[in-house]
């Protein structure tokens, strides 16, 4: 079976937003993680204008959009 590799990236501003939000989540709810460190995950939604990126907290089920939708596209 042929493998297809998909690569998604985030820019520096999105990275800083994610890092800050993760820090706040850990301060607010503690730093518990799953057995493989799977508490936080990213969701990439490809559109014709670019990718919309969310980060999700698997412990609290909260999410934050990292994409600047005001200046999107």
Protein backbone atom coordinates (compact mmCIF):
# COMPACT_ATOMS: atom_id res chain seq x y z
CA UNK A 1 0.00 0.00 0.00
CA UNK A 2 1.31 3.42 -0.97
CA UNK A 3 1.76 5.91 1.87
CA UNK A 4 0.69 9.51 1.51
CA UNK A 5 2.34 12.03 3.79
CA UNK A 6 0.46 15.16 4.80
CA UNK A 7 2.37 17.94 6.51
CA UNK A 8 0.74 20.85 8.30
CA UNK A 9 2.58 23.80 9.75
CA UNK A 10 1.82 26.71 12.05
CA UNK A 11 3.42 30.12 11.92
CA UNK A 12 5.33 31.78 14.77
CA UNK A 13 2.30 33.79 15.95
CA UNK A 14 0.13 30.64 16.12
CA UNK A 15 2.91 28.82 17.98
CA UNK A 16 3.14 31.58 20.60
CA UNK A 17 -0.67 31.56 21.02
CA UNK A 18 -0.64 27.78 21.46
CA UNK A 19 2.23 27.82 23.94
CA UNK A 20 0.56 30.56 26.00
CA UNK A 21 -2.81 28.78 26.00
CA UNK A 22 -1.26 25.44 27.03
CA UNK A 23 0.52 27.18 29.91
CA UNK A 24 -2.76 28.79 31.07
CA UNK A 25 -4.63 25.48 30.81
CA UNK A 26 -1.98 23.71 32.91
CA UNK A 27 -2.03 26.49 35.52
CA UNK A 28 -5.83 26.42 35.68
CA UNK A 29 -6.44 22.65 35.61
CA UNK A 30 -3.11 21.08 36.54
CA UNK A 31 -0.62 19.35 34.30
CA UNK A 32 -2.18 15.89 34.06
CA UNK A 33 -1.50 14.00 30.85
CA UNK A 34 -2.54 10.68 29.39
CA UNK A 35 -0.27 7.69 29.41
CA UNK A 36 1.39 8.82 26.16
CA UNK A 37 1.33 12.56 26.81
CA UNK A 38 -1.70 13.07 24.62
CA UNK A 39 -3.49 15.87 26.45
CA UNK A 40 -3.15 18.53 23.75
CA UNK A 41 -3.81 18.00 20.06
CA UNK A 42 -4.02 20.12 16.95
CA UNK A 43 -6.77 20.18 14.34
CA UNK A 44 -6.01 21.48 10.86
CA UNK A 45 -8.93 22.39 8.60
CA UNK A 46 -7.76 22.94 5.04
CA UNK A 47 -9.69 25.56 3.04
CA UNK A 48 -9.16 27.20 -0.31
CA UNK A 49 -7.67 30.20 1.48
CA UNK A 50 -5.34 28.32 3.82
CA UNK A 51 -5.49 26.16 6.93
CA UNK A 52 -7.53 26.99 10.02
CA UNK A 53 -5.76 25.67 13.11
CA UNK A 54 -7.25 24.74 16.49
CA UNK A 55 -5.56 23.39 19.60
CA UNK A 56 -7.63 21.15 21.86
CA UNK A 57 -7.25 20.15 25.50
CA UNK A 58 -8.15 16.47 25.84
CA UNK A 59 -8.63 16.83 29.61
CA UNK A 60 -11.11 19.71 29.62
CA UNK A 61 -12.39 19.37 26.02
CA UNK A 62 -11.76 23.11 25.56
CA UNK A 63 -10.31 24.37 22.31
CA UNK A 64 -8.78 27.57 20.97
CA UNK A 65 -8.58 28.76 17.38
CA UNK A 66 -4.97 29.77 16.62
CA UNK A 67 -5.70 31.24 13.19
CA UNK A 68 -6.22 34.98 12.89
CA UNK A 69 -9.62 34.79 11.17
CA UNK A 70 -9.87 38.59 10.85
CA UNK A 71 -6.95 38.60 8.43
CA UNK A 72 -7.53 35.14 6.99
CA UNK A 73 -6.89 34.46 3.34
